[in-house]
């Protein structure tokens, strides 16, 4: 009969080790759920910030386009170059912005044009010959770009959990009356 009691007692309840293991698993599961929920909330909050930063950047770009286009039309390209920065009014005051109007980085090189022609199915030797024949045209196109084409960038940034995020936008402006002075000298 003693044997039966031992068997009955061991099946009657949980040991302390079993209770501790079950509690530990329960606590770990709760922590995992809470962490997952916090991570989800941070992702949603960051998505909202990106959405609002994009809207703010588009709005600031429109404002800066109007401002720099007016300067460009009145004073010419180089006199219009400049940089500004600031922050938005509440409730968007955690977002900062910079705007810069500068000489455009756009330039067409003979090598790039040759690669483009080759990608369009023109034989490499034919592309090289055409670029040599059109060197003066390419020089004048680059001169017109340099004298009439300005690059406007707007960048909206914010800090979130110690990291800096940003939304950059870029556009180009040309004067209402472009400056057109062609050259007869090929730039190499």
N, C-alpha and C. Protein backbone atom coordinates (compact mmCIF):
# COMPACT_ATOMS: atom_id res chain seq x y z
N UNK A 1 0.80 -1.19 0.00
CA UNK A 1 0.00 0.00 0.00
C UNK A 1 0.84 1.26 0.00
N UNK A 2 2.00 1.13 0.61
CA UNK A 2 2.89 2.27 0.58
C UNK A 2 3.24 2.64 -0.85
N UNK A 3 3.42 1.67 -1.64
CA UNK A 3 3.79 1.89 -3.03
C UNK A 3 2.71 2.70 -3.76
N UNK A 4 1.48 2.40 -3.51
CA UNK A 4 0.36 3.10 -4.14
C UNK A 4 0.30 4.55 -3.68
N UNK A 5 0.55 4.80 -2.40
CA UNK A 5 0.55 6.17 -1.89
C UNK A 5 1.63 7.02 -2.56
N UNK A 6 2.81 6.44 -2.73
CA UNK A 6 3.88 7.18 -3.40
C UNK A 6 3.45 7.56 -4.81
N UNK A 7 2.89 6.63 -5.49
CA UNK A 7 2.44 6.89 -6.86
C UNK A 7 1.34 7.94 -6.87
N UNK A 8 0.44 7.85 -5.96
CA UNK A 8 -0.67 8.80 -5.89
C UNK A 8 -0.14 10.19 -5.53
N UNK A 9 0.81 10.30 -4.63
CA UNK A 9 1.37 11.60 -4.22
C UNK A 9 2.13 12.27 -5.35
N UNK A 10 2.85 11.52 -6.13
CA UNK A 10 3.63 12.14 -7.22
C UNK A 10 2.72 12.65 -8.33
N UNK A 11 1.56 12.13 -8.49
CA UNK A 11 0.63 12.57 -9.52
C UNK A 11 -0.32 13.64 -9.00
N UNK A 12 -0.32 13.86 -7.71
CA UNK A 12 -1.30 14.75 -7.10
C UNK A 12 -1.02 16.22 -7.37
N UNK A 13 0.19 16.68 -7.62
CA UNK A 13 0.47 18.12 -7.80
C UNK A 13 1.74 18.35 -8.59
N UNK A 14 2.08 19.63 -8.76
CA UNK A 14 3.29 20.01 -9.48
C UNK A 14 4.44 20.20 -8.52
N UNK A 15 5.63 19.93 -8.99
CA UNK A 15 6.80 20.18 -8.17
C UNK A 15 7.16 21.65 -8.25
N UNK A 16 7.99 22.07 -7.35
CA UNK A 16 8.42 23.48 -7.32
C UNK A 16 9.16 23.84 -8.61
N UNK A 17 9.95 22.95 -9.15
CA UNK A 17 10.68 23.19 -10.39
C UNK A 17 9.71 23.39 -11.55
N UNK A 18 8.68 22.58 -11.59
CA UNK A 18 7.68 22.71 -12.66
C UNK A 18 6.95 24.06 -12.57
N UNK A 19 6.61 24.46 -11.37
CA UNK A 19 5.92 25.74 -11.17
C UNK A 19 6.83 26.89 -11.58
N UNK A 20 8.09 26.86 -11.20
CA UNK A 20 9.05 27.91 -11.56
C UNK A 20 9.26 27.96 -13.08
N UNK A 21 9.38 26.80 -13.71
CA UNK A 21 9.57 26.76 -15.17
C UNK A 21 8.35 27.33 -15.89
N UNK A 22 7.17 26.98 -15.44
CA UNK A 22 5.95 27.49 -16.06
C UNK A 22 5.85 29.01 -15.87
N UNK A 23 6.20 29.49 -14.66
CA UNK A 23 6.17 30.94 -14.39
C UNK A 23 7.17 31.67 -15.28
N UNK A 24 8.37 31.11 -15.40
CA UNK A 24 9.39 31.72 -16.25
C UNK A 24 8.93 31.80 -17.71
N UNK A 25 8.35 30.73 -18.22
CA UNK A 25 7.84 30.74 -19.59
C UNK A 25 6.73 31.77 -19.76
N UNK A 26 5.85 31.87 -18.78
CA UNK A 26 4.77 32.85 -18.82
C UNK A 26 5.32 34.28 -18.84
N UNK A 27 6.29 34.56 -17.98
CA UNK A 27 6.91 35.90 -17.92
C UNK A 27 7.61 36.23 -19.23
N UNK A 28 8.35 35.27 -19.78
CA UNK A 28 9.04 35.49 -21.07
C UNK A 28 8.04 35.77 -22.19
N UNK A 29 6.93 35.05 -22.20
CA UNK A 29 5.90 35.27 -23.21
C UNK A 29 5.30 36.67 -23.08
N UNK A 30 5.05 37.10 -21.84
CA UNK A 30 4.50 38.45 -21.61
C UNK A 30 5.49 39.50 -22.10
N UNK A 31 6.78 39.35 -21.76
CA UNK A 31 7.80 40.30 -22.22
C UNK A 31 7.87 40.34 -23.74
N UNK A 32 7.79 39.21 -24.39
CA UNK A 32 7.83 39.14 -25.85
C UNK A 32 6.64 39.87 -26.46
N UNK A 33 5.47 39.67 -25.88
CA UNK A 33 4.26 40.34 -26.39
C UNK A 33 4.36 41.85 -26.20
N UNK A 34 4.80 42.28 -25.02
CA UNK A 34 4.93 43.72 -24.73
C UNK A 34 5.97 44.34 -25.66
N UNK A 35 7.11 43.67 -25.84
CA UNK A 35 8.16 44.18 -26.72
C UNK A 35 7.66 44.29 -28.16
N UNK A 36 6.94 43.29 -28.60
CA UNK A 36 6.38 43.29 -29.95
C UNK A 36 5.39 44.44 -30.12
N UNK A 37 4.58 44.66 -29.10
CA UNK A 37 3.60 45.74 -29.16
C UNK A 37 4.31 47.10 -29.18
N UNK A 38 5.34 47.27 -28.35
CA UNK A 38 6.11 48.52 -28.34
C UNK A 38 6.79 48.76 -29.68
N UNK A 39 7.35 47.71 -30.24
CA UNK A 39 8.00 47.82 -31.55
C UNK A 39 6.99 48.22 -32.62
N UNK A 40 5.83 47.64 -32.55
CA UNK A 40 4.76 47.98 -33.49
C UNK A 40 4.35 49.44 -33.36
N UNK A 41 4.21 49.90 -32.12
CA UNK A 41 3.83 51.29 -31.89
C UNK A 41 4.91 52.25 -32.40
N UNK A 42 6.19 51.90 -32.20
CA UNK A 42 7.28 52.73 -32.71
C UNK A 42 7.27 52.77 -34.23
N UNK A 43 7.00 51.65 -34.86
CA UNK A 43 6.94 51.60 -36.33
C UNK A 43 5.80 52.46 -36.86
N UNK A 44 4.67 52.40 -36.22
CA UNK A 44 3.53 53.23 -36.64
C UNK A 44 3.87 54.71 -36.46
N UNK A 45 4.46 55.05 -35.30
CA UNK A 45 4.83 56.45 -35.04
C UNK A 45 5.86 56.93 -36.06
N UNK A 46 6.83 56.07 -36.41
CA UNK A 46 7.85 56.47 -37.40
C UNK A 46 7.22 56.63 -38.78
N UNK A 47 6.29 55.78 -39.13
CA UNK A 47 5.59 55.91 -40.42
C UNK A 47 4.81 57.22 -40.48
N UNK A 48 4.18 57.57 -39.37
CA UNK A 48 3.47 58.85 -39.33
C UNK A 48 4.43 60.01 -39.50
N UNK A 49 5.59 59.95 -38.84
CA UNK A 49 6.59 61.02 -38.98
C UNK A 49 7.06 61.13 -40.43
N UNK A 50 7.29 60.01 -41.06
CA UNK A 50 7.73 60.04 -42.46
C UNK A 50 6.65 60.64 -43.36
N UNK A 51 5.41 60.31 -43.11
CA UNK A 51 4.29 60.85 -43.87
C UNK A 51 4.23 62.37 -43.72
N UNK A 52 4.27 62.85 -42.46
CA UNK A 52 4.19 64.29 -42.23
C UNK A 52 5.44 65.01 -42.74
N UNK A 53 6.60 64.38 -42.60
CA UNK A 53 7.84 64.99 -43.11
C UNK A 53 7.77 65.15 -44.63
N UNK A 54 7.19 64.17 -45.32
CA UNK A 54 7.04 64.26 -46.77
C UNK A 54 6.11 65.40 -47.15
N UNK A 55 4.99 65.52 -46.44
CA UNK A 55 4.07 66.63 -46.71
C UNK A 55 4.73 67.98 -46.43
N UNK A 56 5.46 68.06 -45.33
CA UNK A 56 6.15 69.31 -44.99
C UNK A 56 7.22 69.64 -46.03
N UNK A 57 7.95 68.63 -46.49
CA UNK A 57 8.99 68.84 -47.51
C UNK A 57 8.38 69.32 -48.82
N UNK A 58 7.27 68.74 -49.22
CA UNK A 58 6.61 69.18 -50.46
C UNK A 58 6.11 70.61 -50.32
N UNK A 59 5.57 70.95 -49.18
CA UNK A 59 5.09 72.31 -48.95
C UNK A 59 6.25 73.31 -48.96
N UNK A 60 7.34 72.96 -48.28
CA UNK A 60 8.52 73.84 -48.24
C UNK A 60 9.15 73.95 -49.63
N UNK A 61 9.14 72.86 -50.39
CA UNK A 61 9.69 72.90 -51.76
C UNK A 61 8.89 73.89 -52.60
N UNK A 62 7.58 73.85 -52.52
CA UNK A 62 6.75 74.79 -53.28
C UNK A 62 7.07 76.23 -52.89
N UNK A 63 7.17 76.47 -51.59
CA UNK A 63 7.51 77.81 -51.10
C UNK A 63 8.87 78.28 -51.63
N UNK A 64 9.87 77.40 -51.57
CA UNK A 64 11.22 77.76 -52.00
C UNK A 64 11.31 77.90 -53.53
N UNK A 65 10.56 77.07 -54.26
CA UNK A 65 10.53 77.21 -55.72
C UNK A 65 10.04 78.60 -56.11
N UNK A 66 8.95 79.03 -55.49
CA UNK A 66 8.40 80.36 -55.79
C UNK A 66 9.40 81.45 -55.43
N UNK A 67 10.03 81.33 -54.27
CA UNK A 67 10.98 82.35 -53.82
C UNK A 67 12.21 82.42 -54.74
N UNK A 68 12.84 81.28 -54.99
CA UNK A 68 14.07 81.29 -55.79
C UNK A 68 13.79 81.54 -57.27
N UNK A 69 12.63 81.13 -57.75
CA UNK A 69 12.28 81.44 -59.15
C UNK A 69 12.15 82.95 -59.33
N UNK A 70 11.54 83.62 -58.37
CA UNK A 70 11.40 85.08 -58.42
C UNK A 70 12.78 85.74 -58.41
N UNK A 71 13.67 85.28 -57.52
CA UNK A 71 15.04 85.81 -57.49
C UNK A 71 15.77 85.53 -58.80
N UNK A 72 15.62 84.34 -59.31
CA UNK A 72 16.27 83.92 -60.55
C UNK A 72 15.82 84.80 -61.72
N UNK A 73 14.52 85.03 -61.83
CA UNK A 73 14.00 85.85 -62.92
C UNK A 73 14.46 87.31 -62.81
N UNK A 74 14.58 87.80 -61.58
CA UNK A 74 14.95 89.20 -61.37
C UNK A 74 16.46 89.44 -61.43
N UNK A 75 17.26 88.51 -60.90
CA UNK A 75 18.70 88.77 -60.72
C UNK A 75 19.63 87.88 -61.52
N UNK A 76 19.13 86.87 -62.17
CA UNK A 76 20.00 85.92 -62.88
C UNK A 76 20.38 84.76 -61.99
N UNK A 77 21.01 83.77 -62.60
CA UNK A 77 21.28 82.51 -61.91
C UNK A 77 22.23 82.66 -60.72
N UNK A 78 23.46 83.10 -60.96
CA UNK A 78 24.46 83.12 -59.89
C UNK A 78 24.09 84.04 -58.75
N UNK A 79 23.40 85.13 -59.02
CA UNK A 79 22.98 86.06 -57.97
C UNK A 79 21.87 85.48 -57.10
N UNK A 80 21.25 84.41 -57.54
CA UNK A 80 20.12 83.81 -56.81
C UNK A 80 20.54 82.67 -55.89
N UNK A 81 21.78 82.22 -56.01
CA UNK A 81 22.21 81.10 -55.19
C UNK A 81 22.14 81.47 -53.71
N UNK A 82 21.74 80.52 -52.89
CA UNK A 82 21.67 80.76 -51.46
C UNK A 82 21.21 79.55 -50.69
N UNK A 83 21.28 79.67 -49.37
CA UNK A 83 20.90 78.57 -48.49
C UNK A 83 20.11 79.15 -47.32
N UNK A 84 19.07 78.44 -46.92
CA UNK A 84 18.25 78.83 -45.78
C UNK A 84 17.95 77.60 -44.96
N UNK A 85 17.64 77.81 -43.68
CA UNK A 85 17.21 76.69 -42.84
C UNK A 85 16.32 77.20 -41.73
N UNK A 86 15.64 76.28 -41.10
CA UNK A 86 14.74 76.63 -40.01
C UNK A 86 13.99 75.42 -39.51
N UNK A 87 12.97 75.69 -38.71
CA UNK A 87 12.10 74.62 -38.23
C UNK A 87 10.67 75.04 -38.47
N UNK A 88 9.79 74.09 -38.41
CA UNK A 88 8.38 74.35 -38.66
C UNK A 88 7.69 74.77 -37.37
N UNK A 89 6.55 75.43 -37.51
CA UNK A 89 5.77 75.84 -36.35
C UNK A 89 5.08 74.62 -35.73
N UNK A 90 4.68 74.78 -34.47
CA UNK A 90 3.95 73.71 -33.77
C UNK A 90 2.68 73.39 -34.54
N UNK A 91 2.29 72.17 -34.61
CA UNK A 91 2.76 71.00 -33.88
C UNK A 91 3.90 70.26 -34.59
N UNK A 92 4.49 70.86 -35.60
CA UNK A 92 5.53 70.17 -36.39
C UNK A 92 6.92 70.66 -36.03
N UNK A 93 7.09 71.25 -34.86
CA UNK A 93 8.36 71.87 -34.49
C UNK A 93 9.49 70.87 -34.25
N UNK A 94 9.23 69.58 -34.26
CA UNK A 94 10.32 68.60 -34.15
C UNK A 94 11.00 68.40 -35.51
N UNK A 95 10.41 68.95 -36.58
CA UNK A 95 10.98 68.83 -37.92
C UNK A 95 11.79 70.08 -38.27
N UNK A 96 12.99 69.88 -38.80
CA UNK A 96 13.86 70.97 -39.25
C UNK A 96 13.95 70.90 -40.77
N UNK A 97 14.25 72.05 -41.40
CA UNK A 97 14.38 72.05 -42.85
C UNK A 97 15.59 72.87 -43.29
N UNK A 98 16.13 72.49 -44.44
CA UNK A 98 17.15 73.27 -45.12
C UNK A 98 16.76 73.35 -46.58
N UNK A 99 17.05 74.49 -47.19
CA UNK A 99 16.81 74.68 -48.62
C UNK A 99 18.06 75.32 -49.19
N UNK A 100 18.48 74.82 -50.34
CA UNK A 100 19.66 75.38 -50.99
C UNK A 100 19.44 75.44 -52.49
N UNK A 101 19.75 76.63 -53.05
CA UNK A 101 19.72 76.82 -54.50
C UNK A 101 21.16 77.04 -54.93
N UNK A 102 21.63 76.19 -55.84
CA UNK A 102 23.04 76.24 -56.25
C UNK A 102 23.17 75.85 -57.71
N UNK A 103 24.40 75.93 -58.20
CA UNK A 103 24.68 75.51 -59.57
C UNK A 103 24.33 74.04 -59.72
N UNK A 104 23.74 73.70 -60.84
CA UNK A 104 23.33 72.32 -61.07
C UNK A 104 24.53 71.42 -61.28
N UNK A 105 24.40 70.21 -60.82
CA UNK A 105 25.46 69.21 -61.02
C UNK A 105 25.26 68.43 -62.31
N UNK A 106 24.23 68.77 -63.08
CA UNK A 106 23.95 68.08 -64.33
C UNK A 106 25.02 68.47 -65.36
N UNK A 107 25.58 67.47 -66.01
CA UNK A 107 26.58 67.68 -67.05
C UNK A 107 26.57 66.45 -67.96
N UNK A 108 26.68 66.68 -69.24
CA UNK A 108 26.69 65.57 -70.20
C UNK A 108 28.10 65.38 -70.73
N UNK A 109 28.71 64.26 -70.39
CA UNK A 109 30.06 63.99 -70.88
C UNK A 109 29.99 63.12 -72.13
N UNK A 110 31.00 63.23 -73.00
CA UNK A 110 31.01 62.37 -74.19
C UNK A 110 30.97 60.88 -73.83
N UNK A 111 31.65 60.48 -72.76
CA UNK A 111 31.67 59.06 -72.37
C UNK A 111 30.27 58.58 -71.97
N UNK A 112 29.55 59.40 -71.22
CA UNK A 112 28.19 59.03 -70.81
C UNK A 112 27.28 58.96 -72.03
N UNK A 113 27.41 59.91 -72.92
CA UNK A 113 26.58 59.93 -74.12
C UNK A 113 26.88 58.72 -75.02
N UNK A 114 28.17 58.35 -75.12
CA UNK A 114 28.53 57.16 -75.90
C UNK A 114 27.89 55.91 -75.30
N UNK A 115 27.97 55.76 -73.97
CA UNK A 115 27.35 54.60 -73.30
C UNK A 115 25.86 54.57 -73.56
N UNK A 116 25.23 55.74 -73.52
CA UNK A 116 23.79 55.80 -73.77
C UNK A 116 23.47 55.35 -75.20
N UNK A 117 24.24 55.85 -76.18
CA UNK A 117 24.00 55.47 -77.58
C UNK A 117 24.22 53.97 -77.79
N UNK A 118 25.25 53.43 -77.16
CA UNK A 118 25.52 51.99 -77.26
C UNK A 118 24.36 51.20 -76.65
N UNK A 119 23.81 51.68 -75.51
CA UNK A 119 22.68 50.99 -74.89
C UNK A 119 21.43 51.04 -75.78
N UNK A 120 21.39 52.00 -76.68
CA UNK A 120 20.26 52.12 -77.61
C UNK A 120 20.48 51.32 -78.89
N UNK A 121 21.61 50.58 -78.98
CA UNK A 121 21.84 49.69 -80.12
C UNK A 121 22.83 50.21 -81.15
N UNK A 122 23.43 51.37 -80.92
CA UNK A 122 24.42 51.90 -81.86
C UNK A 122 25.76 51.23 -81.57
N UNK A 123 26.46 50.88 -82.63
CA UNK A 123 27.76 50.23 -82.48
C UNK A 123 28.74 51.16 -81.76
N UNK A 124 29.62 50.62 -80.92
CA UNK A 124 30.55 51.46 -80.15
C UNK A 124 31.39 52.41 -81.01
N UNK A 125 31.90 51.94 -82.12
CA UNK A 125 32.72 52.80 -82.99
C UNK A 125 31.88 53.93 -83.57
N UNK A 126 30.65 53.61 -83.99
CA UNK A 126 29.74 54.64 -84.53
C UNK A 126 29.39 55.67 -83.47
N UNK A 127 29.18 55.22 -82.23
CA UNK A 127 28.87 56.14 -81.12
C UNK A 127 30.04 57.09 -80.87
N UNK A 128 31.27 56.55 -80.88
CA UNK A 128 32.47 57.38 -80.68
C UNK A 128 32.60 58.42 -81.78
N UNK A 129 32.39 58.02 -83.03
CA UNK A 129 32.49 58.93 -84.17
C UNK A 129 31.43 60.03 -84.06
N UNK A 130 30.21 59.65 -83.72
CA UNK A 130 29.14 60.65 -83.58
C UNK A 130 29.45 61.65 -82.48
N UNK A 131 30.01 61.18 -81.38
CA UNK A 131 30.34 62.10 -80.28
C UNK A 131 31.46 63.05 -80.70
N UNK A 132 32.42 62.57 -81.48
CA UNK A 132 33.48 63.46 -81.98
C UNK A 132 32.89 64.52 -82.90
N UNK A 133 31.96 64.10 -83.78
CA UNK A 133 31.34 65.04 -84.72
C UNK A 133 30.43 66.04 -84.01
N UNK A 134 29.86 65.64 -82.88
CA UNK A 134 28.91 66.50 -82.16
C UNK A 134 29.53 67.14 -80.91
N UNK A 135 30.85 67.20 -80.84
CA UNK A 135 31.53 67.73 -79.65
C UNK A 135 31.14 69.19 -79.39
N UNK A 136 31.02 69.99 -80.45
CA UNK A 136 30.66 71.39 -80.27
C UNK A 136 29.23 71.53 -79.75
N UNK A 137 28.33 70.68 -80.25
CA UNK A 137 26.94 70.70 -79.77
C UNK A 137 26.92 70.35 -78.28
N UNK A 138 27.64 69.31 -77.89
CA UNK A 138 27.68 68.90 -76.49
C UNK A 138 28.29 69.99 -75.61
N UNK A 139 29.32 70.65 -76.09
CA UNK A 139 29.93 71.77 -75.35
C UNK A 139 28.91 72.87 -75.13
N UNK A 140 28.15 73.22 -76.17
CA UNK A 140 27.15 74.28 -76.03
C UNK A 140 25.98 73.86 -75.13
N UNK A 141 25.59 72.61 -75.19
CA UNK A 141 24.52 72.13 -74.29
C UNK A 141 24.98 72.25 -72.84
N UNK A 142 26.20 71.82 -72.54
CA UNK A 142 26.73 71.93 -71.17
C UNK A 142 26.87 73.39 -70.74
N UNK A 143 27.24 74.26 -71.66
CA UNK A 143 27.34 75.70 -71.36
C UNK A 143 25.96 76.27 -71.03
N UNK A 144 24.95 75.90 -71.81
CA UNK A 144 23.59 76.37 -71.54
C UNK A 144 23.08 75.86 -70.19
N UNK A 145 23.38 74.61 -69.87
CA UNK A 145 22.97 74.06 -68.57
C UNK A 145 23.63 74.84 -67.44
N UNK A 146 24.94 75.04 -67.56
CA UNK A 146 25.69 75.74 -66.50
C UNK A 146 25.19 77.16 -66.29
N UNK A 147 24.81 77.86 -67.37
CA UNK A 147 24.41 79.26 -67.27
C UNK A 147 22.93 79.46 -66.96
N UNK A 148 22.11 78.41 -67.08
CA UNK A 148 20.66 78.59 -66.95
C UNK A 148 19.95 77.59 -66.04
N UNK A 149 20.64 76.65 -65.50
CA UNK A 149 20.00 75.54 -64.81
C UNK A 149 20.46 75.52 -63.36
N UNK A 150 19.59 75.83 -62.42
CA UNK A 150 19.93 75.82 -61.01
C UNK A 150 19.27 74.65 -60.30
N UNK A 151 19.94 74.15 -59.28
CA UNK A 151 19.47 72.98 -58.54
C UNK A 151 18.95 73.43 -57.17
N UNK A 152 17.70 73.13 -56.90
CA UNK A 152 17.08 73.46 -55.62
C UNK A 152 16.84 72.18 -54.84
N UNK A 153 17.40 72.13 -53.63
CA UNK A 153 17.18 70.97 -52.77
C UNK A 153 16.50 71.44 -51.48
N UNK A 154 15.57 70.64 -51.02
CA UNK A 154 14.91 70.86 -49.73
C UNK A 154 15.05 69.55 -48.96
N UNK A 155 15.47 69.67 -47.73
CA UNK A 155 15.65 68.50 -46.88
C UNK A 155 14.93 68.74 -45.57
N UNK A 156 14.03 67.84 -45.20
CA UNK A 156 13.34 67.90 -43.91
C UNK A 156 13.88 66.76 -43.06
N UNK A 157 14.31 67.09 -41.84
CA UNK A 157 14.89 66.06 -40.97
C UNK A 157 14.26 66.11 -39.58
N UNK A 158 14.41 65.00 -38.86
CA UNK A 158 13.90 64.89 -37.50
C UNK A 158 14.68 63.82 -36.76
N UNK A 159 14.66 63.91 -35.45
CA UNK A 159 15.32 62.93 -34.61
C UNK A 159 14.27 62.02 -33.99
N UNK A 160 14.57 60.74 -33.96
CA UNK A 160 13.64 59.78 -33.37
C UNK A 160 14.46 58.68 -32.70
N UNK A 161 14.34 58.53 -31.40
CA UNK A 161 15.07 57.56 -30.61
C UNK A 161 16.58 57.63 -30.88
N UNK A 162 17.10 58.86 -30.93
CA UNK A 162 18.54 59.07 -31.10
C UNK A 162 19.06 58.97 -32.52
N UNK A 163 18.21 58.67 -33.48
CA UNK A 163 18.62 58.59 -34.88
C UNK A 163 18.07 59.79 -35.66
N UNK A 164 18.83 60.25 -36.63
CA UNK A 164 18.40 61.36 -37.48
C UNK A 164 17.87 60.77 -38.79
N UNK A 165 16.66 61.17 -39.14
CA UNK A 165 16.02 60.74 -40.39
C UNK A 165 15.79 61.97 -41.24
N UNK A 166 15.69 61.78 -42.57
CA UNK A 166 15.43 62.93 -43.43
C UNK A 166 14.70 62.53 -44.70
N UNK A 167 14.01 63.52 -45.25
CA UNK A 167 13.34 63.38 -46.54
C UNK A 167 13.93 64.46 -47.45
N UNK A 168 14.74 64.07 -48.45
CA UNK A 168 15.30 65.07 -49.36
C UNK A 168 14.46 65.17 -50.65
N UNK A 169 14.31 66.38 -51.14
CA UNK A 169 13.65 66.61 -52.43
C UNK A 169 14.58 67.46 -53.28
N UNK A 170 14.51 67.27 -54.59
CA UNK A 170 15.37 68.02 -55.51
C UNK A 170 14.58 68.39 -56.75
N UNK A 171 14.79 69.61 -57.22
CA UNK A 171 14.21 70.04 -58.49
C UNK A 171 15.19 71.01 -59.14
N UNK A 172 14.89 71.40 -60.37
CA UNK A 172 15.73 72.35 -61.09
C UNK A 172 14.89 73.53 -61.54
N UNK A 173 15.51 74.69 -61.55
CA UNK A 173 14.84 75.91 -61.98
C UNK A 173 15.64 76.54 -63.13
N UNK A 174 14.92 77.14 -64.07
CA UNK A 174 15.55 77.90 -65.14
C UNK A 174 14.92 79.29 -65.18
N UNK A 175 15.65 80.32 -65.64
CA UNK A 175 15.07 81.66 -65.68
C UNK A 175 13.98 81.77 -66.74
N UNK A 176 13.09 82.72 -66.53
CA UNK A 176 12.02 82.96 -67.49
C UNK A 176 12.61 83.30 -68.86
N UNK A 177 13.70 84.08 -68.86
CA UNK A 177 14.40 84.43 -70.10
C UNK A 177 15.81 83.85 -70.02
N UNK A 178 16.02 82.67 -70.56
CA UNK A 178 17.34 82.03 -70.45
C UNK A 178 18.43 82.83 -71.16
N UNK A 179 19.62 82.71 -70.62
CA UNK A 179 20.80 83.33 -71.20
C UNK A 179 21.33 82.37 -72.27
N UNK A 180 21.40 82.85 -73.51
CA UNK A 180 21.85 81.97 -74.59
C UNK A 180 23.02 82.64 -75.31
N UNK A 181 24.20 82.17 -74.98
CA UNK A 181 25.43 82.62 -75.64
C UNK A 181 26.20 81.37 -76.03
N UNK A 182 26.21 81.06 -77.31
CA UNK A 182 26.87 79.85 -77.78
C UNK A 182 28.35 80.13 -78.04
N UNK A 183 29.12 79.06 -78.04
CA UNK A 183 30.55 79.16 -78.28
C UNK A 183 30.91 78.40 -79.56
N UNK A 184 32.05 78.73 -80.11
CA UNK A 184 32.55 78.02 -81.29
C UNK A 184 33.79 77.18 -80.94
N UNK A 185 34.11 77.14 -79.66
CA UNK A 185 35.27 76.39 -79.19
C UNK A 185 34.82 75.15 -78.44
N UNK A 186 35.35 74.02 -78.83
CA UNK A 186 35.01 72.76 -78.19
C UNK A 186 35.77 72.61 -76.89
N UNK A 187 35.04 72.30 -75.79
CA UNK A 187 35.68 72.00 -74.51
C UNK A 187 36.05 70.52 -74.49
N UNK A 188 37.22 70.22 -74.07
CA UNK A 188 37.67 68.82 -73.99
C UNK A 188 37.79 68.41 -72.56
